[in-house]
Full PDB file with SEQRES, HELIX, SHEET, SSBOND, CRYST1, ORIGX, SCALE, CONECT and MASTER records, all heavy atoms in Angstrom:
SEQRES   1 A   30  SER LEU GLY THR GLY GLU GLY GLN VAL ASN LEU VAL ALA          
SEQRES   2 A   30  TRP ALA GLY TYR VAL GLU ASP GLY SER ASN ASP PRO LYS          
SEQRES   3 A   30  VAL ASP TRP VAL                                              
CRYST1    1.000    1.000    1.000  90.00  90.00  90.00 P 1           1          
ORIGX1      1.000000  0.000000  0.000000        0.00000                         
ORIGX2      0.000000  1.000000  0.000000        0.00000                         
ORIGX3      0.000000  0.000000  1.000000        0.00000                         
SCALE1      1.000000  0.000000  0.000000        0.00000                         
SCALE2      0.000000  1.000000  0.000000        0.00000                         
SCALE3      0.000000  0.000000  1.000000        0.00000                         
ATOM      1  N   SER A   1     133.328  78.621  73.396  1.00  0.00           N  
ATOM      2  CA  SER A   1     134.213  79.742  73.704  1.00  0.00           C  
ATOM      3  C   SER A   1     133.870  80.903  72.791  1.00  0.00           C  
ATOM      4  O   SER A   1     133.321  80.711  71.701  1.00  0.00           O  
ATOM      5  CB  SER A   1     135.691  79.336  73.514  1.00  0.00           C  
ATOM      6  OG  SER A   1     135.925  78.945  72.172  1.00  0.00           O  
ATOM      7  N   LEU A   2     134.189  82.087  73.252  1.00  0.00           N  
ATOM      8  CA  LEU A   2     133.855  83.286  72.494  1.00  0.00           C  
ATOM      9  C   LEU A   2     135.007  83.669  71.579  1.00  0.00           C  
ATOM     10  O   LEU A   2     136.154  83.782  72.025  1.00  0.00           O  
ATOM     11  CB  LEU A   2     133.537  84.446  73.452  1.00  0.00           C  
ATOM     12  CG  LEU A   2     132.878  85.681  72.848  1.00  0.00           C  
ATOM     13  CD1 LEU A   2     131.519  85.318  72.267  1.00  0.00           C  
ATOM     14  CD2 LEU A   2     132.721  86.763  73.912  1.00  0.00           C  
ATOM     15  N   GLY A   3     134.692  83.833  70.294  1.00  0.00           N  
ATOM     16  CA  GLY A   3     135.708  84.220  69.329  1.00  0.00           C  
ATOM     17  C   GLY A   3     135.524  85.662  68.898  1.00  0.00           C  
ATOM     18  O   GLY A   3     134.792  86.434  69.515  1.00  0.00           O  
ATOM     19  N   THR A   4     136.177  86.018  67.829  1.00  0.00           N  
ATOM     20  CA  THR A   4     136.090  87.369  67.293  1.00  0.00           C  
ATOM     21  C   THR A   4     134.719  87.596  66.659  1.00  0.00           C  
ATOM     22  O   THR A   4     134.168  86.708  65.997  1.00  0.00           O  
ATOM     23  CB  THR A   4     137.176  87.591  66.229  1.00  0.00           C  
ATOM     24  OG1 THR A   4     138.445  87.327  66.814  1.00  0.00           O  
ATOM     25  CG2 THR A   4     137.147  89.016  65.702  1.00  0.00           C  
ATOM     26  N   GLY A   5     134.171  88.781  66.863  1.00  0.00           N  
ATOM     27  CA  GLY A   5     132.887  89.103  66.266  1.00  0.00           C  
ATOM     28  C   GLY A   5     132.922  88.997  64.758  1.00  0.00           C  
ATOM     29  O   GLY A   5     133.945  89.297  64.121  1.00  0.00           O  
ATOM     30  N   GLU A   6     131.803  88.575  64.177  1.00  0.00           N  
ATOM     31  CA  GLU A   6     131.732  88.331  62.736  1.00  0.00           C  
ATOM     32  C   GLU A   6     131.406  89.592  61.931  1.00  0.00           C  
ATOM     33  O   GLU A   6     131.313  89.538  60.705  1.00  0.00           O  
ATOM     34  CB  GLU A   6     130.681  87.268  62.426  1.00  0.00           C  
ATOM     35  CG  GLU A   6     130.945  85.903  63.058  1.00  0.00           C  
ATOM     36  CD  GLU A   6     130.367  85.777  64.459  1.00  0.00           C  
ATOM     37  OE1 GLU A   6     129.805  86.784  64.963  1.00  0.00           O  
ATOM     38  OE2 GLU A   6     130.474  84.686  65.043  1.00  0.00           O  
ATOM     39  N   GLY A   7     131.202  90.712  62.601  1.00  0.00           N  
ATOM     40  CA  GLY A   7     130.955  91.962  61.884  1.00  0.00           C  
ATOM     41  C   GLY A   7     129.506  92.386  61.814  1.00  0.00           C  
ATOM     42  O   GLY A   7     129.195  93.529  61.493  1.00  0.00           O  
ATOM     43  N   GLN A   8     128.585  91.462  62.123  1.00  0.00           N  
ATOM     44  CA  GLN A   8     127.170  91.822  62.133  1.00  0.00           C  
ATOM     45  C   GLN A   8     126.390  90.817  62.954  1.00  0.00           C  
ATOM     46  O   GLN A   8     126.878  89.715  63.258  1.00  0.00           O  
ATOM     47  CB  GLN A   8     126.605  91.883  60.724  1.00  0.00           C  
ATOM     48  CG  GLN A   8     126.588  90.549  59.977  1.00  0.00           C  
ATOM     49  CD  GLN A   8     125.893  90.662  58.632  1.00  0.00           C  
ATOM     50  OE1 GLN A   8     124.824  91.271  58.500  1.00  0.00           O  
ATOM     51  NE2 GLN A   8     126.512  90.081  57.602  1.00  0.00           N  
ATOM     52  N   VAL A   9     125.179  91.203  63.326  1.00  0.00           N  
ATOM     53  CA  VAL A   9     124.277  90.298  64.035  1.00  0.00           C  
ATOM     54  C   VAL A   9     122.855  90.632  63.595  1.00  0.00           C  
ATOM     55  O   VAL A   9     122.477  91.809  63.477  1.00  0.00           O  
ATOM     56  CB  VAL A   9     124.427  90.423  65.566  1.00  0.00           C  
ATOM     57  CG1 VAL A   9     124.049  91.823  66.068  1.00  0.00           C  
ATOM     58  CG2 VAL A   9     123.619  89.359  66.292  1.00  0.00           C  
ATOM     59  N   ASN A  10     122.075  89.601  63.291  1.00  0.00           N  
ATOM     60  CA  ASN A  10     120.705  89.772  62.808  1.00  0.00           C  
ATOM     61  C   ASN A  10     119.727  89.382  63.911  1.00  0.00           C  
ATOM     62  O   ASN A  10     119.716  88.235  64.361  1.00  0.00           O  
ATOM     63  CB  ASN A  10     120.480  88.909  61.564  1.00  0.00           C  
ATOM     64  CG  ASN A  10     121.417  89.294  60.434  1.00  0.00           C  
ATOM     65  OD1 ASN A  10     121.685  90.475  60.216  1.00  0.00           O  
ATOM     66  ND2 ASN A  10     121.923  88.312  59.713  1.00  0.00           N  
ATOM     67  N   LEU A  11     118.902  90.341  64.333  1.00  0.00           N  
ATOM     68  CA  LEU A  11     118.032  90.154  65.484  1.00  0.00           C  
ATOM     69  C   LEU A  11     116.560  90.202  65.095  1.00  0.00           C  
ATOM     70  O   LEU A  11     116.161  90.960  64.214  1.00  0.00           O  
ATOM     71  CB  LEU A  11     118.288  91.249  66.530  1.00  0.00           C  
ATOM     72  CG  LEU A  11     119.734  91.460  66.984  1.00  0.00           C  
ATOM     73  CD1 LEU A  11     119.801  92.654  67.932  1.00  0.00           C  
ATOM     74  CD2 LEU A  11     120.281  90.206  67.652  1.00  0.00           C  
ATOM     75  N   VAL A  12     115.753  89.407  65.783  1.00  0.00           N  
ATOM     76  CA  VAL A  12     114.292  89.532  65.759  1.00  0.00           C  
ATOM     77  C   VAL A  12     113.904  90.055  67.137  1.00  0.00           C  
ATOM     78  O   VAL A  12     114.289  89.473  68.155  1.00  0.00           O  
ATOM     79  CB  VAL A  12     113.598  88.183  65.500  1.00  0.00           C  
ATOM     80  CG1 VAL A  12     112.077  88.343  65.601  1.00  0.00           C  
ATOM     81  CG2 VAL A  12     113.979  87.646  64.128  1.00  0.00           C  
ATOM     82  N   ALA A  13     113.158  91.157  67.175  1.00  0.00           N  
ATOM     83  CA  ALA A  13     112.906  91.790  68.472  1.00  0.00           C  
ATOM     84  C   ALA A  13     111.546  92.464  68.513  1.00  0.00           C  
ATOM     85  O   ALA A  13     110.959  92.814  67.481  1.00  0.00           O  
ATOM     86  CB  ALA A  13     113.996  92.824  68.762  1.00  0.00           C  
ATOM     87  N   TRP A  14     111.076  92.640  69.726  1.00  0.00           N  
ATOM     88  CA  TRP A  14     109.917  93.486  69.947  1.00  0.00           C  
ATOM     89  C   TRP A  14     110.323  94.931  69.693  1.00  0.00           C  
ATOM     90  O   TRP A  14     111.462  95.320  69.969  1.00  0.00           O  
ATOM     91  CB  TRP A  14     109.404  93.355  71.377  1.00  0.00           C  
ATOM     92  CG  TRP A  14     108.893  92.011  71.737  1.00  0.00           C  
ATOM     93  CD1 TRP A  14     109.421  91.146  72.652  1.00  0.00           C  
ATOM     94  CD2 TRP A  14     107.737  91.346  71.208  1.00  0.00           C  
ATOM     95  NE1 TRP A  14     108.678  89.986  72.718  1.00  0.00           N  
ATOM     96  CE2 TRP A  14     107.643  90.094  71.835  1.00  0.00           C  
ATOM     97  CE3 TRP A  14     106.779  91.699  70.246  1.00  0.00           C  
ATOM     98  CZ2 TRP A  14     106.621  89.185  71.548  1.00  0.00           C  
ATOM     99  CZ3 TRP A  14     105.768  90.795  69.950  1.00  0.00           C  
ATOM    100  CH2 TRP A  14     105.694  89.557  70.605  1.00  0.00           C  
ATOM    101  N   ALA A  15     109.394  95.724  69.176  1.00  0.00           N  
ATOM    102  CA  ALA A  15     109.663  97.141  68.972  1.00  0.00           C  
ATOM    103  C   ALA A  15     110.060  97.772  70.301  1.00  0.00           C  
ATOM    104  O   ALA A  15     109.460  97.500  71.332  1.00  0.00           O  
ATOM    105  CB  ALA A  15     108.423  97.842  68.419  1.00  0.00           C  
ATOM    106  N   GLY A  16     111.103  98.589  70.265  1.00  0.00           N  
ATOM    107  CA  GLY A  16     111.554  99.252  71.469  1.00  0.00           C  
ATOM    108  C   GLY A  16     112.673  98.545  72.197  1.00  0.00           C  
ATOM    109  O   GLY A  16     113.252  99.091  73.132  1.00  0.00           O  
ATOM    110  N   TYR A  17     113.000  97.321  71.769  1.00  0.00           N  
ATOM    111  CA  TYR A  17     114.061  96.572  72.439  1.00  0.00           C  
ATOM    112  C   TYR A  17     115.439  96.824  71.820  1.00  0.00           C  
ATOM    113  O   TYR A  17     116.463  96.587  72.471  1.00  0.00           O  
ATOM    114  CB  TYR A  17     113.764  95.070  72.386  1.00  0.00           C  
ATOM    115  CG  TYR A  17     112.899  94.560  73.512  1.00  0.00           C  
ATOM    116  CD1 TYR A  17     112.211  95.426  74.354  1.00  0.00           C  
ATOM    117  CD2 TYR A  17     112.760  93.198  73.736  1.00  0.00           C  
ATOM    118  CE1 TYR A  17     111.416  94.950  75.377  1.00  0.00           C  
ATOM    119  CE2 TYR A  17     111.966  92.704  74.767  1.00  0.00           C  
ATOM    120  CZ  TYR A  17     111.298  93.583  75.583  1.00  0.00           C  
ATOM    121  OH  TYR A  17     110.520  93.092  76.599  1.00  0.00           O  
ATOM    122  N   VAL A  18     115.468  97.286  70.564  1.00  0.00           N  
ATOM    123  CA  VAL A  18     116.746  97.489  69.866  1.00  0.00           C  
ATOM    124  C   VAL A  18     116.710  98.882  69.240  1.00  0.00           C  
ATOM    125  O   VAL A  18     116.413  99.046  68.059  1.00  0.00           O  
ATOM    126  CB  VAL A  18     116.980  96.410  68.787  1.00  0.00           C  
ATOM    127  CG1 VAL A  18     118.373  96.555  68.182  1.00  0.00           C  
ATOM    128  CG2 VAL A  18     116.822  95.007  69.385  1.00  0.00           C  
ATOM    129  N   GLU A  19     117.003  99.900  70.035  1.00  0.00           N  
ATOM    130  CA  GLU A  19     116.901 101.281  69.576  1.00  0.00           C  
ATOM    131  C   GLU A  19     118.273 101.856  69.226  1.00  0.00           C  
ATOM    132  O   GLU A  19     119.212 101.790  70.020  1.00  0.00           O  
ATOM    133  CB  GLU A  19     116.227 102.133  70.648  1.00  0.00           C  
ATOM    134  CG  GLU A  19     114.759 101.808  70.861  1.00  0.00           C  
ATOM    135  CD  GLU A  19     113.902 102.122  69.637  1.00  0.00           C  
ATOM    136  OE1 GLU A  19     114.053 103.221  69.061  1.00  0.00           O  
ATOM    137  OE2 GLU A  19     113.088 101.255  69.254  1.00  0.00           O  
ATOM    138  N   ASP A  20     118.349 102.457  68.018  1.00  0.00           N  
ATOM    139  CA  ASP A  20     119.626 102.993  67.543  1.00  0.00           C  
ATOM    140  C   ASP A  20     119.602 104.506  67.343  1.00  0.00           C  
ATOM    141  O   ASP A  20     120.474 105.073  66.679  1.00  0.00           O  
ATOM    142  CB  ASP A  20     120.028 102.316  66.235  1.00  0.00           C  
ATOM    143  CG  ASP A  20     119.002 102.543  65.122  1.00  0.00           C  
ATOM    144  OD1 ASP A  20     118.011 103.283  65.339  1.00  0.00           O  
ATOM    145  OD2 ASP A  20     119.195 101.976  64.035  1.00  0.00           O  
ATOM    146  N   GLY A  21     118.579 105.170  67.891  1.00  0.00           N  
ATOM    147  CA  GLY A  21     118.484 106.619  67.767  1.00  0.00           C  
ATOM    148  C   GLY A  21     117.661 107.076  66.589  1.00  0.00           C  
ATOM    149  O   GLY A  21     117.379 108.271  66.458  1.00  0.00           O  
ATOM    150  N   SER A  22     117.238 106.154  65.719  1.00  0.00           N  
ATOM    151  CA  SER A  22     116.478 106.565  64.540  1.00  0.00           C  
ATOM    152  C   SER A  22     115.045 106.961  64.893  1.00  0.00           C  
ATOM    153  O   SER A  22     114.445 107.800  64.222  1.00  0.00           O  
ATOM    154  CB  SER A  22     116.478 105.459  63.482  1.00  0.00           C  
ATOM    155  OG  SER A  22     115.976 104.245  64.011  1.00  0.00           O  
ATOM    156  N   ASN A  23     114.472 106.360  65.942  1.00  0.00           N  
ATOM    157  CA  ASN A  23     113.138 106.751  66.393  1.00  0.00           C  
ATOM    158  C   ASN A  23     113.180 107.974  67.292  1.00  0.00           C  
ATOM    159  O   ASN A  23     112.296 108.819  67.264  1.00  0.00           O  
ATOM    160  CB  ASN A  23     112.464 105.593  67.134  1.00  0.00           C  
ATOM    161  CG  ASN A  23     112.070 104.463  66.209  1.00  0.00           C  
ATOM    162  OD1 ASN A  23     111.663 104.699  65.079  1.00  0.00           O  
ATOM    163  ND2 ASN A  23     112.211 103.229  66.670  1.00  0.00           N  
ATOM    164  N   ASP A  24     114.220 108.057  68.111  1.00  0.00           N  
ATOM    165  CA  ASP A  24     114.430 109.175  69.018  1.00  0.00           C  
ATOM    166  C   ASP A  24     115.936 109.303  69.220  1.00  0.00           C  
ATOM    167  O   ASP A  24     116.567 108.373  69.725  1.00  0.00           O  
ATOM    168  CB  ASP A  24     113.724 108.920  70.354  1.00  0.00           C  
ATOM    169  CG  ASP A  24     113.851 110.086  71.335  1.00  0.00           C  
ATOM    170  OD1 ASP A  24     114.767 110.911  71.166  1.00  0.00           O  
ATOM    171  OD2 ASP A  24     113.046 110.149  72.279  1.00  0.00           O  
ATOM    172  N   PRO A  25     116.538 110.431  68.813  1.00  0.00           N  
ATOM    173  CA  PRO A  25     117.993 110.593  68.922  1.00  0.00           C  
ATOM    174  C   PRO A  25     118.536 110.386  70.340  1.00  0.00           C  
ATOM    175  O   PRO A  25     119.702 110.035  70.512  1.00  0.00           O  
ATOM    176  CB  PRO A  25     118.225 112.036  68.458  1.00  0.00           C  
ATOM    177  CG  PRO A  25     117.034 112.356  67.604  1.00  0.00           C  
ATOM    178  CD  PRO A  25     115.888 111.613  68.216  1.00  0.00           C  
ATOM    179  N   LYS A  26     117.666 110.568  71.329  1.00  0.00           N  
ATOM    180  CA  LYS A  26     118.105 110.416  72.723  1.00  0.00           C  
ATOM    181  C   LYS A  26     118.064 108.955  73.177  1.00  0.00           C  
ATOM    182  O   LYS A  26     118.512 108.640  74.279  1.00  0.00           O  
ATOM    183  CB  LYS A  26     117.209 111.261  73.643  1.00  0.00           C  
ATOM    184  CG  LYS A  26     117.228 112.752  73.342  1.00  0.00           C  
ATOM    185  CD  LYS A  26     116.225 113.463  74.231  1.00  0.00           C  
ATOM    186  CE  LYS A  26     116.138 114.949  73.881  1.00  0.00           C  
ATOM    187  NZ  LYS A  26     115.070 115.636  74.672  1.00  0.00           N  
ATOM    188  N   VAL A  27     117.478 108.102  72.353  1.00  0.00           N  
ATOM    189  CA  VAL A  27     117.288 106.701  72.736  1.00  0.00           C  
ATOM    190  C   VAL A  27     118.148 105.816  71.837  1.00  0.00           C  
ATOM    191  O   VAL A  27     117.784 105.517  70.707  1.00  0.00           O  
ATOM    192  CB  VAL A  27     115.802 106.303  72.630  1.00  0.00           C  
ATOM    193  CG1 VAL A  27     115.608 104.859  73.057  1.00  0.00           C  
ATOM    194  CG2 VAL A  27     114.938 107.229  73.488  1.00  0.00           C  
ATOM    195  N   ASP A  28     119.304 105.414  72.339  1.00  0.00           N  
ATOM    196  CA  ASP A  28     120.252 104.675  71.505  1.00  0.00           C  
ATOM    197  C   ASP A  28     121.213 103.864  72.363  1.00  0.00           C  
ATOM    198  O   ASP A  28     122.124 104.408  72.985  1.00  0.00           O  
ATOM    199  CB  ASP A  28     121.039 105.661  70.631  1.00  0.00           C  
ATOM    200  CG  ASP A  28     121.997 104.974  69.675  1.00  0.00           C  
ATOM    201  OD1 ASP A  28     122.058 103.727  69.671  1.00  0.00           O  
ATOM    202  OD2 ASP A  28     122.705 105.695  68.936  1.00  0.00           O  
ATOM    203  N   TRP A  29     120.977 102.559  72.422  1.00  0.00           N  
ATOM    204  CA  TRP A  29     121.942 101.671  73.076  1.00  0.00           C  
ATOM    205  C   TRP A  29     122.561 100.706  72.065  1.00  0.00           C  
ATOM    206  O   TRP A  29     123.326  99.838  72.426  1.00  0.00           O  
ATOM    207  CB  TRP A  29     121.298 100.896  74.232  1.00  0.00           C  
ATOM    208  CG  TRP A  29     119.998 100.223  73.901  1.00  0.00           C  
ATOM    209  CD1 TRP A  29     119.811  98.981  73.379  1.00  0.00           C  
ATOM    210  CD2 TRP A  29     118.687 100.763  74.085  1.00  0.00           C  
ATOM    211  NE1 TRP A  29     118.468  98.717  73.206  1.00  0.00           N  
ATOM    212  CE2 TRP A  29     117.750  99.792  73.635  1.00  0.00           C  
ATOM    213  CE3 TRP A  29     118.206 101.990  74.572  1.00  0.00           C  
ATOM    214  CZ2 TRP A  29     116.378 100.011  73.673  1.00  0.00           C  
ATOM    215  CZ3 TRP A  29     116.837 102.199  74.608  1.00  0.00           C  
ATOM    216  CH2 TRP A  29     115.939 101.209  74.161  1.00  0.00           C  
ATOM    217  N   VAL A  30     122.237 100.915  70.789  1.00  0.00           N  
ATOM    218  CA  VAL A  30     122.810 100.090  69.723  1.00  0.00           C  
ATOM    219  C   VAL A  30     124.154 100.648  69.246  1.00  0.00           C  
ATOM    220  O   VAL A  30     125.125  99.902  69.088  1.00  0.00           O  
ATOM    221  CB  VAL A  30     121.835  99.977  68.536  1.00  0.00           C  
ATOM    222  CG1 VAL A  30     122.519  99.350  67.331  1.00  0.00           C  
ATOM    223  CG2 VAL A  30     120.626  99.137  68.937  1.00  0.00           C  
TER     224      VAL A  30                                                      
MASTER        0    0    0    0    0    0    0    6  223    1    0    3          
END                                                                             
């Protein structure tokens, strides 16, 4: 079952899969 979020998540990803706007301000789904 899904509980309350723990406040953070640590990901291993290919470049370009986890964009937070730091590479391009227009590209941010984080």
